[in-house]
């Protein structure tokens, strides 16, 4: 699972909790989201399951698959 928090770690620094890949850092949330989706796609292509969890402004987490489709 790749987790993208709503708020930056520090001003101008967003990170993705990428499990075994650590917590790569990005200059904006969009780049962090791109990384999470690409990493999830790579995991699926390698035969593993993967989800992207994105925290919203309301504090709720939304789950997406490797193609950025919402998961219920």
Protein backbone atom coordinates (compact mmCIF):
# COMPACT_ATOMS: atom_id res chain seq x y z
CA UNK A 1 0.00 0.00 0.00
CA UNK A 2 1.18 3.50 -0.84
CA UNK A 3 -0.12 6.18 1.54
CA UNK A 4 -0.28 9.85 0.64
CA UNK A 5 -1.13 12.17 3.53
CA UNK A 6 -3.12 15.35 2.98
CA UNK A 7 -0.69 17.69 4.71
CA UNK A 8 2.97 18.04 3.78
CA UNK A 9 5.64 16.67 6.13
CA UNK A 10 7.26 20.10 6.15
CA UNK A 11 6.31 23.22 4.18
CA UNK A 12 6.68 22.29 0.51
CA UNK A 13 7.61 18.64 1.19
CA UNK A 14 5.13 15.82 0.62
CA UNK A 15 6.01 12.20 1.18
CA UNK A 16 4.54 8.85 0.24
CA UNK A 17 4.66 6.04 2.77
CA UNK A 18 5.81 3.38 0.32
CA UNK A 19 6.44 0.49 2.70
CA UNK A 20 9.56 -1.35 1.58
CA UNK A 21 10.56 1.61 -0.61
CA UNK A 22 10.73 4.00 2.33
CA UNK A 23 9.21 7.48 2.25
CA UNK A 24 10.31 9.31 -0.88
CA UNK A 25 9.78 13.07 -0.77
CA UNK A 26 8.34 15.41 -3.40
CA UNK A 27 7.96 19.16 -3.90
CA UNK A 28 4.19 18.92 -4.40
CA UNK A 29 1.29 16.59 -3.73
CA UNK A 30 0.64 15.91 -7.43
CA UNK A 31 4.16 14.53 -7.92
CA UNK A 32 3.75 12.40 -4.81
CA UNK A 33 0.48 11.02 -6.18
CA UNK A 34 2.09 10.30 -9.57
CA UNK A 35 4.83 8.34 -7.83
CA UNK A 36 2.33 6.32 -5.77
CA UNK A 37 0.26 5.38 -8.83
CA UNK A 38 3.34 4.43 -10.88
CA UNK A 39 4.74 2.38 -8.01
CA UNK A 40 1.40 0.60 -7.57
CA UNK A 41 1.28 -0.16 -11.30
CA UNK A 42 4.82 -1.58 -11.17
CA UNK A 43 3.85 -3.77 -8.20
CA UNK A 44 0.83 -5.13 -10.07
CA UNK A 45 2.95 -5.80 -13.17
CA UNK A 46 5.33 -7.76 -10.90
CA UNK A 47 2.41 -9.92 -9.77
CA UNK A 48 1.77 -8.24 -6.44
CA UNK A 49 -1.37 -6.50 -5.28
CA UNK A 50 -1.17 -2.78 -4.57
CA UNK A 51 -3.42 0.04 -3.44
CA UNK A 52 -2.95 3.78 -3.16
CA UNK A 53 -4.50 5.40 -0.07
CA UNK A 54 -5.03 9.17 -0.24
CA UNK A 55 -6.03 11.22 2.79
CA UNK A 56 -8.58 13.93 2.02
CA UNK A 57 -8.94 17.35 3.61
CA UNK A 58 -11.71 15.84 5.75
CA UNK A 59 -9.29 13.30 7.25
CA UNK A 60 -10.93 10.36 5.49
CA UNK A 61 -8.81 7.93 3.51
CA UNK A 62 -9.81 6.99 -0.02
CA UNK A 63 -8.48 3.86 -1.67
CA UNK A 64 -7.50 3.62 -5.34
CA UNK A 65 -6.13 0.82 -7.46
CA UNK A 66 -3.05 0.98 -9.69
CA UNK A 67 -5.11 2.65 -12.45
CA UNK A 68 -6.32 5.38 -10.06
CA UNK A 69 -9.85 3.93 -9.98
CA UNK A 70 -11.67 4.23 -6.70
CA UNK A 71 -12.00 1.07 -4.64
CA UNK A 72 -15.05 0.54 -2.48
